Amino acid sequence: MKQFMAMLKMNENEHPPPTKLLDLAGQLCRELQSSSPSLEKLVDAMMECKNKRDFLTNIHVVRACVSVHIHKGQHDAACRLLEYCKAEEKEELVQLWHEIHYQRVMEKHQTDVLTPLQKFRCRKRNPPPISLCPEGLKNRNYSEEVRQHLYKFAAEVTANPDKKQREELARAMNLQPIQVYNWFANYRRRQKS
């Protein structure tokens, strides 16, 4: 920690900071994740630095910063940090985004856990920003064209296709066979009700 602080002070005007310094920051954040006062001191030092954006390219640093902000109850600051960080691990950043909002809801309701439904509602109310999901959130619904093709097959051929038929449908519509299997299972379930 002392070595990092000395290196940080020595390189505070250097842009970009040396790779060795960035790697050390990530390593320290990984090692100190359970040590709250030391981690807080480390995060404060990095966030006061002129080159803080360079540190936010490392997922371990980002995770540590978000953790410290949540611990301090600074949810908005944690969200802003995620919005402009440059870490490559987008899926993990989206998960951190959701964790911030889960924490907010837990504090609001004064509880330690959320039900799956509460988590689902929380994610729907607080979708991640475009900076974290440039291609948008995954939509679990199939396109109109795919749905029409599946409905037509169910009506004209069978609502319970065998393995070979499912594989052919999957290839034709660029889906996985399990997706086709599930679609037909859900289709039959809907028909019964």
N, C-alpha and C. Protein backbone atom coordinates (compact mmCIF):
# COMPACT_ATOMS: atom_id res chain seq x y z
N MET A 1 0.84 -1.20 0.00
CA MET A 1 0.00 0.00 0.00
C MET A 1 0.88 1.25 0.00
N LYS A 2 1.92 1.25 0.86
CA LYS A 2 2.83 2.41 0.93
C LYS A 2 3.53 2.61 -0.41
N GLN A 3 3.94 1.48 -1.00
CA GLN A 3 4.63 1.56 -2.30
C GLN A 3 3.69 2.18 -3.35
N PHE A 4 2.43 1.77 -3.35
CA PHE A 4 1.47 2.31 -4.31
C PHE A 4 1.28 3.80 -4.10
N MET A 5 1.09 4.22 -2.85
CA MET A 5 0.87 5.65 -2.54
C MET A 5 2.08 6.49 -2.98
N ALA A 6 3.28 5.95 -2.76
CA ALA A 6 4.50 6.67 -3.18
C ALA A 6 4.55 6.78 -4.70
N MET A 7 4.25 5.67 -5.38
CA MET A 7 4.26 5.69 -6.86
C MET A 7 3.19 6.63 -7.40
N LEU A 8 2.04 6.65 -6.75
CA LEU A 8 0.94 7.51 -7.18
C LEU A 8 1.35 8.97 -7.07
N LYS A 9 1.95 9.33 -5.96
CA LYS A 9 2.39 10.71 -5.75
C LYS A 9 3.47 11.09 -6.76
N MET A 10 4.39 10.16 -7.00
CA MET A 10 5.52 10.42 -7.91
C MET A 10 5.03 10.60 -9.36
N ASN A 11 3.95 9.90 -9.73
CA ASN A 11 3.47 9.92 -11.12
C ASN A 11 2.15 10.68 -11.28
N GLU A 12 1.82 11.56 -10.33
CA GLU A 12 0.51 12.20 -10.37
C GLU A 12 0.29 13.09 -11.60
N ASN A 13 1.36 13.62 -12.20
CA ASN A 13 1.19 14.49 -13.37
C ASN A 13 1.48 13.76 -14.69
N GLU A 14 1.81 12.49 -14.59
CA GLU A 14 2.13 11.72 -15.79
C GLU A 14 0.84 11.17 -16.41
N HIS A 15 0.67 11.44 -17.71
CA HIS A 15 -0.53 10.95 -18.38
C HIS A 15 -0.15 10.18 -19.64
N PRO A 16 -0.55 8.97 -19.83
CA PRO A 16 -1.24 8.12 -18.86
C PRO A 16 -0.26 7.62 -17.80
N PRO A 17 -0.79 7.21 -16.65
CA PRO A 17 0.09 6.70 -15.60
C PRO A 17 0.80 5.42 -16.05
N PRO A 18 1.93 5.11 -15.47
CA PRO A 18 2.66 3.89 -15.88
C PRO A 18 1.79 2.63 -15.69
N THR A 19 1.98 1.68 -16.57
CA THR A 19 1.22 0.43 -16.50
C THR A 19 1.46 -0.28 -15.18
N LYS A 20 2.68 -0.19 -14.67
CA LYS A 20 3.01 -0.84 -13.40
C LYS A 20 2.11 -0.29 -12.27
N LEU A 21 1.86 1.01 -12.29
CA LEU A 21 1.02 1.65 -11.28
C LEU A 21 -0.43 1.16 -11.40
N LEU A 22 -0.93 1.09 -12.63
CA LEU A 22 -2.30 0.63 -12.87
C LEU A 22 -2.47 -0.83 -12.45
N ASP A 23 -1.46 -1.66 -12.77
CA ASP A 23 -1.51 -3.07 -12.38
C ASP A 23 -1.48 -3.23 -10.87
N LEU A 24 -0.65 -2.43 -10.21
CA LEU A 24 -0.56 -2.48 -8.76
C LEU A 24 -1.88 -2.06 -8.12
N ALA A 25 -2.54 -1.07 -8.70
CA ALA A 25 -3.84 -0.62 -8.19
C ALA A 25 -4.85 -1.76 -8.25
N GLY A 26 -4.89 -2.46 -9.39
CA GLY A 26 -5.80 -3.58 -9.54
C GLY A 26 -5.51 -4.70 -8.56
N GLN A 27 -4.22 -4.99 -8.37
CA GLN A 27 -3.81 -6.04 -7.44
C GLN A 27 -4.21 -5.68 -6.01
N LEU A 28 -3.97 -4.44 -5.62
CA LEU A 28 -4.32 -4.00 -4.26
C LEU A 28 -5.84 -4.05 -4.04
N CYS A 29 -6.58 -3.63 -5.03
CA CYS A 29 -8.06 -3.66 -4.91
C CYS A 29 -8.55 -5.08 -4.74
N ARG A 30 -7.92 -6.02 -5.44
CA ARG A 30 -8.30 -7.43 -5.33
C ARG A 30 -7.98 -7.95 -3.93
N GLU A 31 -6.79 -7.59 -3.41
CA GLU A 31 -6.34 -8.09 -2.10
C GLU A 31 -7.10 -7.45 -0.94
N LEU A 32 -7.49 -6.19 -1.09
CA LEU A 32 -8.09 -5.45 0.03
C LEU A 32 -9.62 -5.46 0.04
N GLN A 33 -10.23 -6.26 -0.84
CA GLN A 33 -11.69 -6.16 -0.96
C GLN A 33 -12.45 -6.41 0.33
N SER A 34 -11.86 -7.14 1.28
CA SER A 34 -12.59 -7.37 2.53
C SER A 34 -12.14 -6.40 3.63
N SER A 35 -11.08 -5.65 3.39
CA SER A 35 -10.55 -4.72 4.39
C SER A 35 -11.06 -3.32 4.10
N SER A 36 -12.17 -2.96 4.71
CA SER A 36 -12.87 -1.73 4.38
C SER A 36 -12.07 -0.44 4.58
N PRO A 37 -11.44 -0.18 5.75
CA PRO A 37 -10.72 1.10 5.92
C PRO A 37 -9.56 1.27 4.94
N SER A 38 -8.79 0.20 4.73
CA SER A 38 -7.65 0.29 3.80
C SER A 38 -8.13 0.47 2.37
N LEU A 39 -9.18 -0.25 2.01
CA LEU A 39 -9.73 -0.14 0.65
C LEU A 39 -10.27 1.26 0.42
N GLU A 40 -10.93 1.80 1.43
CA GLU A 40 -11.49 3.14 1.32
C GLU A 40 -10.37 4.17 1.10
N LYS A 41 -9.29 4.01 1.83
CA LYS A 41 -8.14 4.92 1.69
C LYS A 41 -7.55 4.83 0.28
N LEU A 42 -7.42 3.61 -0.22
CA LEU A 42 -6.88 3.38 -1.56
C LEU A 42 -7.79 4.01 -2.62
N VAL A 43 -9.09 3.77 -2.51
CA VAL A 43 -10.05 4.30 -3.49
C VAL A 43 -10.05 5.82 -3.46
N ASP A 44 -10.05 6.41 -2.26
CA ASP A 44 -10.02 7.87 -2.15
C ASP A 44 -8.79 8.44 -2.84
N ALA A 45 -7.64 7.80 -2.65
CA ALA A 45 -6.40 8.27 -3.28
C ALA A 45 -6.51 8.23 -4.80
N MET A 46 -7.06 7.14 -5.34
CA MET A 46 -7.19 7.03 -6.81
C MET A 46 -8.21 8.01 -7.37
N MET A 47 -9.30 8.21 -6.65
CA MET A 47 -10.36 9.09 -7.15
C MET A 47 -10.00 10.57 -7.05
N GLU A 48 -9.03 10.91 -6.20
CA GLU A 48 -8.57 12.30 -6.11
C GLU A 48 -7.46 12.59 -7.11
N CYS A 49 -6.96 11.56 -7.75
CA CYS A 49 -5.86 11.68 -8.71
C CYS A 49 -6.39 12.28 -10.03
N LYS A 50 -5.54 13.02 -10.73
CA LYS A 50 -5.93 13.62 -12.02
C LYS A 50 -6.24 12.54 -13.06
N ASN A 51 -5.58 11.40 -12.95
CA ASN A 51 -5.73 10.33 -13.94
C ASN A 51 -6.72 9.26 -13.50
N LYS A 52 -7.72 9.63 -12.74
CA LYS A 52 -8.62 8.61 -12.20
C LYS A 52 -9.31 7.79 -13.29
N ARG A 53 -9.57 8.39 -14.44
CA ARG A 53 -10.21 7.63 -15.52
C ARG A 53 -9.34 6.48 -16.01
N ASP A 54 -8.02 6.67 -15.94
CA ASP A 54 -7.12 5.59 -16.36
C ASP A 54 -7.21 4.41 -15.39
N PHE A 55 -7.41 4.68 -14.12
CA PHE A 55 -7.54 3.60 -13.14
C PHE A 55 -8.85 2.84 -13.36
N LEU A 56 -9.84 3.53 -13.89
CA LEU A 56 -11.15 2.91 -14.08
C LEU A 56 -11.24 2.05 -15.34
N THR A 57 -10.09 1.68 -15.88
CA THR A 57 -10.06 0.70 -16.98
C THR A 57 -9.89 -0.71 -16.41
N ASN A 58 -9.53 -0.81 -15.14
CA ASN A 58 -9.31 -2.09 -14.48
C ASN A 58 -10.56 -2.49 -13.71
N ILE A 59 -11.09 -3.66 -14.00
CA ILE A 59 -12.35 -4.10 -13.38
C ILE A 59 -12.24 -4.22 -11.87
N HIS A 60 -11.06 -4.59 -11.37
CA HIS A 60 -10.88 -4.73 -9.92
C HIS A 60 -10.97 -3.37 -9.23
N VAL A 61 -10.42 -2.35 -9.87
CA VAL A 61 -10.50 -0.99 -9.33
C VAL A 61 -11.95 -0.51 -9.36
N VAL A 62 -12.62 -0.76 -10.47
CA VAL A 62 -14.03 -0.34 -10.60
C VAL A 62 -14.87 -1.01 -9.52
N ARG A 63 -14.68 -2.32 -9.34
CA ARG A 63 -15.44 -3.06 -8.34
C ARG A 63 -15.18 -2.49 -6.95
N ALA A 64 -13.91 -2.17 -6.64
CA ALA A 64 -13.56 -1.61 -5.33
C ALA A 64 -14.20 -0.25 -5.13
N CYS A 65 -14.16 0.60 -6.16
CA CYS A 65 -14.75 1.94 -6.06
C CYS A 65 -16.26 1.85 -5.83
N VAL A 66 -16.92 0.98 -6.57
CA VAL A 66 -18.37 0.81 -6.41
C VAL A 66 -18.67 0.31 -5.00
N SER A 67 -17.89 -0.64 -4.53
CA SER A 67 -18.09 -1.20 -3.19
C SER A 67 -17.97 -0.11 -2.12
N VAL A 68 -16.96 0.73 -2.25
CA VAL A 68 -16.75 1.81 -1.27
C VAL A 68 -17.91 2.81 -1.32
N HIS A 69 -18.33 3.17 -2.54
CA HIS A 69 -19.45 4.11 -2.68
C HIS A 69 -20.73 3.54 -2.06
N ILE A 70 -20.99 2.25 -2.31
CA ILE A 70 -22.19 1.63 -1.73
C ILE A 70 -22.09 1.62 -0.21
N HIS A 71 -20.91 1.27 0.30
CA HIS A 71 -20.69 1.24 1.76
C HIS A 71 -20.96 2.61 2.39
N LYS A 72 -20.61 3.67 1.66
CA LYS A 72 -20.83 5.03 2.17
C LYS A 72 -22.26 5.51 1.89
N GLY A 73 -23.05 4.71 1.17
CA GLY A 73 -24.41 5.11 0.84
C GLY A 73 -24.48 6.08 -0.33
N GLN A 74 -23.41 6.15 -1.12
CA GLN A 74 -23.33 7.08 -2.26
C GLN A 74 -23.70 6.33 -3.56
N HIS A 75 -24.96 5.96 -3.66
CA HIS A 75 -25.40 5.17 -4.81
C HIS A 75 -25.30 5.93 -6.13
N ASP A 76 -25.66 7.21 -6.11
CA ASP A 76 -25.58 8.00 -7.35
C ASP A 76 -24.14 8.13 -7.84
N ALA A 77 -23.22 8.31 -6.91
CA ALA A 77 -21.80 8.40 -7.28
C ALA A 77 -21.33 7.09 -7.88
N ALA A 78 -21.77 5.98 -7.32
CA ALA A 78 -21.39 4.66 -7.85
C ALA A 78 -21.94 4.48 -9.27
N CYS A 79 -23.17 4.92 -9.50
CA CYS A 79 -23.77 4.82 -10.84
C CYS A 79 -23.01 5.69 -11.85
N ARG A 80 -22.68 6.91 -11.45
CA ARG A 80 -21.93 7.81 -12.35
C ARG A 80 -20.57 7.20 -12.70
N LEU A 81 -19.93 6.61 -11.70
CA LEU A 81 -18.63 5.98 -11.92
C LEU A 81 -18.75 4.88 -12.98
N LEU A 82 -19.78 4.06 -12.88
CA LEU A 82 -19.98 2.98 -13.86
C LEU A 82 -20.27 3.54 -15.25
N GLU A 83 -21.00 4.64 -15.30
CA GLU A 83 -21.37 5.21 -16.60
C GLU A 83 -20.16 5.66 -17.41
N TYR A 84 -19.13 6.19 -16.72
CA TYR A 84 -18.00 6.68 -17.52
C TYR A 84 -16.73 5.86 -17.38
N CYS A 85 -16.78 4.72 -16.68
CA CYS A 85 -15.58 3.90 -16.59
C CYS A 85 -15.32 3.22 -17.94
N LYS A 86 -14.09 2.84 -18.17
CA LYS A 86 -13.70 2.28 -19.47
C LYS A 86 -13.28 0.81 -19.38
N ALA A 87 -13.72 0.11 -18.35
CA ALA A 87 -13.38 -1.31 -18.23
C ALA A 87 -14.06 -2.09 -19.35
N GLU A 88 -13.42 -3.15 -19.78
CA GLU A 88 -13.92 -3.93 -20.92
C GLU A 88 -14.99 -4.94 -20.53
N GLU A 89 -15.04 -5.34 -19.27
CA GLU A 89 -15.94 -6.40 -18.82
C GLU A 89 -17.36 -5.88 -18.65
N LYS A 90 -18.05 -5.65 -19.78
CA LYS A 90 -19.36 -5.00 -19.75
C LYS A 90 -20.40 -5.80 -18.96
N GLU A 91 -20.39 -7.12 -19.08
CA GLU A 91 -21.38 -7.92 -18.34
C GLU A 91 -21.22 -7.74 -16.84
N GLU A 92 -19.98 -7.70 -16.38
CA GLU A 92 -19.75 -7.51 -14.95
C GLU A 92 -20.15 -6.10 -14.52
N LEU A 93 -19.94 -5.12 -15.38
CA LEU A 93 -20.34 -3.75 -15.07
C LEU A 93 -21.86 -3.65 -14.95
N VAL A 94 -22.57 -4.35 -15.84
CA VAL A 94 -24.04 -4.36 -15.77
C VAL A 94 -24.48 -5.00 -14.46
N GLN A 95 -23.79 -6.09 -14.07
CA GLN A 95 -24.13 -6.76 -12.80
C GLN A 95 -23.89 -5.81 -11.63
N LEU A 96 -22.79 -5.06 -11.67
CA LEU A 96 -22.52 -4.08 -10.61
C LEU A 96 -23.62 -3.00 -10.57
N TRP A 97 -24.06 -2.57 -11.75
CA TRP A 97 -25.14 -1.59 -11.86
C TRP A 97 -26.39 -2.10 -11.13
N HIS A 98 -26.72 -3.37 -11.39
CA HIS A 98 -27.89 -3.96 -10.74
C HIS A 98 -27.67 -4.07 -9.23
N GLU A 99 -26.46 -4.45 -8.81
CA GLU A 99 -26.18 -4.58 -7.37
C GLU A 99 -26.37 -3.25 -6.65
N ILE A 100 -25.97 -2.16 -7.28
CA ILE A 100 -26.16 -0.84 -6.67
C ILE A 100 -27.65 -0.59 -6.43
N HIS A 101 -28.46 -0.90 -7.43
CA HIS A 101 -29.89 -0.65 -7.31
C HIS A 101 -30.57 -1.63 -6.35
N TYR A 102 -30.08 -2.87 -6.30
CA TYR A 102 -30.61 -3.81 -5.31
C TYR A 102 -30.35 -3.27 -3.90
N GLN A 103 -29.12 -2.78 -3.70
CA GLN A 103 -28.74 -2.25 -2.39
C GLN A 103 -29.65 -1.08 -2.00
N ARG A 104 -29.93 -0.24 -2.95
CA ARG A 104 -30.80 0.92 -2.73
C ARG A 104 -32.20 0.46 -2.28
N VAL A 105 -32.75 -0.54 -2.98
CA VAL A 105 -34.08 -1.05 -2.65
C VAL A 105 -34.06 -1.73 -1.27
N MET A 106 -32.98 -2.48 -0.99
CA MET A 106 -32.89 -3.14 0.32
C MET A 106 -32.87 -2.11 1.45
N GLU A 107 -32.14 -1.02 1.24
CA GLU A 107 -32.09 0.04 2.25
C GLU A 107 -33.45 0.70 2.41
N LYS A 108 -34.13 0.91 1.29
CA LYS A 108 -35.45 1.55 1.33
C LYS A 108 -36.45 0.70 2.12
N HIS A 109 -36.42 -0.61 1.87
CA HIS A 109 -37.36 -1.52 2.53
C HIS A 109 -36.80 -2.10 3.84
N GLN A 110 -35.61 -1.68 4.21
CA GLN A 110 -34.95 -2.14 5.44
C GLN A 110 -34.94 -3.66 5.53
N THR A 111 -34.36 -4.28 4.51
CA THR A 111 -34.25 -5.73 4.46
C THR A 111 -32.85 -6.12 4.01
N ASP A 112 -32.48 -7.38 4.24
CA ASP A 112 -31.16 -7.86 3.85
C ASP A 112 -31.17 -8.64 2.54
N VAL A 113 -32.36 -9.04 2.10
CA VAL A 113 -32.47 -9.82 0.86
C VAL A 113 -33.65 -9.33 0.03
N LEU A 114 -33.56 -9.58 -1.26
CA LEU A 114 -34.66 -9.26 -2.16
C LEU A 114 -35.15 -10.56 -2.79
N THR A 115 -36.43 -10.63 -3.03
CA THR A 115 -36.97 -11.80 -3.73
C THR A 115 -36.61 -11.67 -5.21
N PRO A 116 -36.66 -12.78 -5.94
CA PRO A 116 -36.41 -12.68 -7.39
C PRO A 116 -37.33 -11.68 -8.08
N LEU A 117 -38.58 -11.61 -7.65
CA LEU A 117 -39.52 -10.66 -8.25
C LEU A 117 -39.09 -9.22 -7.97
N GLN A 118 -38.66 -8.94 -6.74
CA GLN A 118 -38.19 -7.59 -6.41
C GLN A 118 -36.95 -7.24 -7.24
N LYS A 119 -36.06 -8.21 -7.43
CA LYS A 119 -34.87 -7.96 -8.25
C LYS A 119 -35.27 -7.68 -9.70
N PHE A 120 -36.22 -8.46 -10.20
CA PHE A 120 -36.69 -8.27 -11.57
C PHE A 120 -37.27 -6.87 -11.74
N ARG A 121 -38.14 -6.46 -10.81
CA ARG A 121 -38.74 -5.13 -10.89
C ARG A 121 -37.68 -4.05 -10.80
N CYS A 122 -36.70 -4.26 -9.94
CA CYS A 122 -35.62 -3.29 -9.78
C CYS A 122 -34.84 -3.13 -11.10
N ARG A 123 -34.56 -4.25 -11.76
CA ARG A 123 -33.83 -4.18 -13.04
C ARG A 123 -34.66 -3.48 -14.10
N LYS A 124 -35.96 -3.73 -14.12
CA LYS A 124 -36.84 -3.09 -15.11
C LYS A 124 -36.93 -1.59 -14.88
N ARG A 125 -36.97 -1.17 -13.62
CA ARG A 125 -37.07 0.26 -13.30
C ARG A 125 -35.75 1.00 -13.51
N ASN A 126 -34.64 0.28 -13.44
CA ASN A 126 -33.32 0.90 -13.51
C ASN A 126 -32.44 0.21 -14.54
N PRO A 127 -32.80 0.32 -15.82
CA PRO A 127 -31.97 -0.34 -16.84
C PRO A 127 -30.59 0.31 -16.92
N PRO A 128 -29.57 -0.48 -17.25
CA PRO A 128 -28.22 0.10 -17.36
C PRO A 128 -28.14 1.10 -18.50
N PRO A 129 -27.24 2.07 -18.38
CA PRO A 129 -27.11 3.09 -19.43
C PRO A 129 -26.50 2.51 -20.71
N ILE A 130 -26.65 3.26 -21.78
CA ILE A 130 -26.13 2.85 -23.09
C ILE A 130 -24.61 2.62 -23.02
N SER A 131 -23.90 3.39 -22.19
CA SER A 131 -22.45 3.23 -22.10
C SER A 131 -22.06 1.82 -21.63
N LEU A 132 -22.95 1.16 -20.87
CA LEU A 132 -22.67 -0.20 -20.42
C LEU A 132 -23.23 -1.25 -21.37
N CYS A 133 -24.29 -0.90 -22.09
CA CYS A 133 -24.93 -1.83 -23.03
C CYS A 133 -25.08 -1.14 -24.38
N PRO A 134 -23.99 -0.94 -25.12
CA PRO A 134 -24.10 -0.21 -26.38
C PRO A 134 -25.07 -0.86 -27.36
N GLU A 135 -25.20 -2.20 -27.32
CA GLU A 135 -26.12 -2.87 -28.24
C GLU A 135 -27.50 -3.06 -27.61
N GLY A 136 -27.69 -2.48 -26.44
CA GLY A 136 -28.98 -2.58 -25.75
C GLY A 136 -29.07 -3.86 -24.94
N LEU A 137 -30.07 -3.92 -24.08
CA LEU A 137 -30.27 -5.12 -23.29
C LEU A 137 -30.77 -6.24 -24.19
N LYS A 138 -30.42 -7.46 -23.81
CA LYS A 138 -30.89 -8.60 -24.59
C LYS A 138 -32.40 -8.71 -24.47
N ASN A 139 -33.02 -8.86 -25.61
CA ASN A 139 -34.47 -9.04 -25.65
C ASN A 139 -34.73 -10.53 -25.78
N ARG A 140 -35.51 -11.06 -24.89
CA ARG A 140 -35.76 -12.50 -24.92
C ARG A 140 -36.86 -12.88 -25.89
N ASN A 141 -37.53 -11.91 -26.46
CA ASN A 141 -38.59 -12.21 -27.41
C ASN A 141 -37.99 -12.41 -28.80
N TYR A 142 -38.57 -13.31 -29.54
CA TYR A 142 -38.11 -13.54 -30.91
C TYR A 142 -38.74 -12.52 -31.84
N SER A 143 -38.13 -12.35 -32.98
CA SER A 143 -38.67 -11.40 -33.96
C SER A 143 -40.02 -11.91 -34.46
N GLU A 144 -40.78 -11.00 -35.03
CA GLU A 144 -42.10 -11.34 -35.56
C GLU A 144 -41.98 -12.44 -36.61
N GLU A 145 -40.96 -12.35 -37.44
CA GLU A 145 -40.76 -13.33 -38.51
C GLU A 145 -40.54 -14.74 -37.93
N VAL A 146 -39.69 -14.83 -36.90
CA VAL A 146 -39.42 -16.13 -36.27
C VAL A 146 -40.68 -16.68 -35.61
N ARG A 147 -41.39 -15.82 -34.90
CA ARG A 147 -42.62 -16.27 -34.22
C ARG A 147 -43.65 -16.79 -35.24
N GLN A 148 -43.80 -16.06 -36.34
CA GLN A 148 -44.77 -16.47 -37.37
C GLN A 148 -44.38 -17.83 -37.94
N HIS A 149 -43.09 -18.02 -38.17
CA HIS A 149 -42.60 -19.29 -38.72
C HIS A 149 -42.91 -20.43 -37.74
N LEU A 150 -42.68 -20.21 -36.45
CA LEU A 150 -42.93 -21.24 -35.44
C LEU A 150 -44.43 -21.51 -35.30
N TYR A 151 -45.25 -20.45 -35.29
CA TYR A 151 -46.70 -20.63 -35.22
C TYR A 151 -47.21 -21.43 -36.42
N LYS A 152 -46.70 -21.09 -37.59
CA LYS A 152 -47.13 -21.78 -38.81
C LYS A 152 -46.77 -23.26 -38.74
N PHE A 153 -45.56 -23.55 -38.28
CA PHE A 153 -45.12 -24.94 -38.15
C PHE A 153 -46.03 -25.68 -37.16
N ALA A 154 -46.33 -25.03 -36.02
CA ALA A 154 -47.18 -25.66 -35.00
C ALA A 154 -48.58 -25.94 -35.55
N ALA A 155 -49.11 -25.03 -36.35
CA ALA A 155 -50.47 -25.18 -36.88
C ALA A 155 -50.52 -26.19 -38.03
N GLU A 156 -49.53 -26.17 -38.91
CA GLU A 156 -49.59 -26.98 -40.13
C GLU A 156 -48.91 -28.33 -40.01
N VAL A 157 -47.89 -28.44 -39.16
CA VAL A 157 -47.14 -29.70 -39.07
C VAL A 157 -47.43 -30.39 -37.74
N THR A 158 -46.87 -29.84 -36.66
CA THR A 158 -47.08 -30.42 -35.33
C THR A 158 -46.70 -29.41 -34.25
N ALA A 159 -47.38 -29.53 -33.13
CA ALA A 159 -47.04 -28.67 -31.99
C ALA A 159 -46.04 -29.37 -31.08
N ASN A 160 -45.68 -30.60 -31.45
CA ASN A 160 -44.72 -31.36 -30.66
C ASN A 160 -43.67 -31.97 -31.59
N PRO A 161 -42.78 -31.14 -32.14
CA PRO A 161 -41.80 -31.64 -33.11
C PRO A 161 -40.78 -32.57 -32.45
N ASP A 162 -40.29 -33.52 -33.24
CA ASP A 162 -39.26 -34.42 -32.71
C ASP A 162 -37.89 -33.71 -32.78
N LYS A 163 -36.89 -34.40 -32.31
CA LYS A 163 -35.55 -33.79 -32.20
C LYS A 163 -35.04 -33.31 -33.56
N LYS A 164 -35.22 -34.14 -34.58
CA LYS A 164 -34.73 -33.79 -35.92
C LYS A 164 -35.44 -32.52 -36.44
N GLN A 165 -36.74 -32.45 -36.26
CA GLN A 165 -37.51 -31.28 -36.69
C GLN A 165 -37.08 -30.02 -35.93
N ARG A 166 -36.84 -30.17 -34.63
CA ARG A 166 -36.39 -29.02 -33.83
C ARG A 166 -35.03 -28.52 -34.31
N GLU A 167 -34.14 -29.45 -34.63
CA GLU A 167 -32.81 -29.06 -35.11
C GLU A 167 -32.90 -28.34 -36.45
N GLU A 168 -33.78 -28.82 -37.34
CA GLU A 168 -33.96 -28.17 -38.64
C GLU A 168 -34.54 -26.77 -38.47
N LEU A 169 -35.55 -26.65 -37.59
CA LEU A 169 -36.13 -25.33 -37.33
C LEU A 169 -35.08 -24.38 -36.73
N ALA A 170 -34.29 -24.89 -35.82
CA ALA A 170 -33.25 -24.07 -35.17
C ALA A 170 -32.27 -23.56 -36.22
N ARG A 171 -31.82 -24.45 -37.11
CA ARG A 171 -30.88 -24.03 -38.17
C ARG A 171 -31.51 -22.99 -39.08
N ALA A 172 -32.75 -23.22 -39.45
CA ALA A 172 -33.44 -22.31 -40.38
C ALA A 172 -33.64 -20.91 -39.80
N MET A 173 -33.79 -20.83 -38.48
CA MET A 173 -34.08 -19.52 -37.86
C MET A 173 -32.93 -18.99 -37.01
N ASN A 174 -31.77 -19.63 -37.10
CA ASN A 174 -30.59 -19.18 -36.38
C ASN A 174 -30.84 -19.16 -34.86
N LEU A 175 -31.45 -20.24 -34.34
CA LEU A 175 -31.69 -20.40 -32.92
C LEU A 175 -30.97 -21.66 -32.44
N GLN A 176 -30.95 -21.86 -31.14
CA GLN A 176 -30.43 -23.09 -30.57
C GLN A 176 -31.59 -24.09 -30.50
N PRO A 177 -31.32 -25.40 -30.66
CA PRO A 177 -32.40 -26.39 -30.56
C PRO A 177 -33.16 -26.28 -29.23
N ILE A 178 -32.48 -25.96 -28.15
CA ILE A 178 -33.16 -25.84 -26.85
C ILE A 178 -34.16 -24.69 -26.86
N GLN A 179 -33.86 -23.63 -27.61
CA GLN A 179 -34.79 -22.51 -27.71
C GLN A 179 -36.07 -22.94 -28.42
N VAL A 180 -35.89 -23.72 -29.48
CA VAL A 180 -37.06 -24.21 -30.23
C VAL A 180 -37.86 -25.16 -29.33
N TYR A 181 -37.16 -26.05 -28.62
CA TYR A 181 -37.82 -26.98 -27.70
C TYR A 181 -38.65 -26.20 -26.68
N ASN A 182 -38.05 -25.18 -26.06
CA ASN A 182 -38.76 -24.38 -25.05
C ASN A 182 -39.93 -23.61 -25.64
N TRP A 183 -39.74 -23.09 -26.85
CA TRP A 183 -40.84 -22.34 -27.47
C TRP A 183 -42.06 -23.24 -27.65
N PHE A 184 -41.83 -24.46 -28.16
CA PHE A 184 -42.96 -25.37 -28.37
C PHE A 184 -43.56 -25.84 -27.05
N ALA A 185 -42.73 -26.06 -26.04
CA ALA A 185 -43.26 -26.45 -24.72
C ALA A 185 -44.16 -25.33 -24.18
N ASN A 186 -43.70 -24.09 -24.31
CA ASN A 186 -44.51 -22.95 -23.86
C ASN A 186 -45.76 -22.79 -24.72
N TYR A 187 -45.62 -23.05 -26.00
CA TYR A 187 -46.78 -22.95 -26.92
C TYR A 187 -47.86 -23.95 -26.50
N ARG A 188 -47.46 -25.21 -26.23
CA ARG A 188 -48.43 -26.22 -25.82
C ARG A 188 -49.08 -25.85 -24.50
N ARG A 189 -48.28 -25.31 -23.58
CA ARG A 189 -48.80 -24.88 -22.29
C ARG A 189 -49.84 -23.77 -22.46
N ARG A 190 -49.55 -22.83 -23.36
CA ARG A 190 -50.50 -21.73 -23.61
C ARG A 190 -51.79 -22.26 -24.25
N GLN A 191 -51.67 -23.25 -25.13
CA GLN A 191 -52.84 -23.81 -25.79
C GLN A 191 -53.78 -24.50 -24.81
N LYS A 192 -53.18 -25.17 -23.81
CA LYS A 192 -54.01 -25.86 -22.79
C LYS A 192 -54.82 -24.87 -21.98
N SER A 193 -54.18 -23.76 -21.61
CA SER A 193 -54.89 -22.78 -20.77
C SER A 193 -55.76 -21.89 -21.63
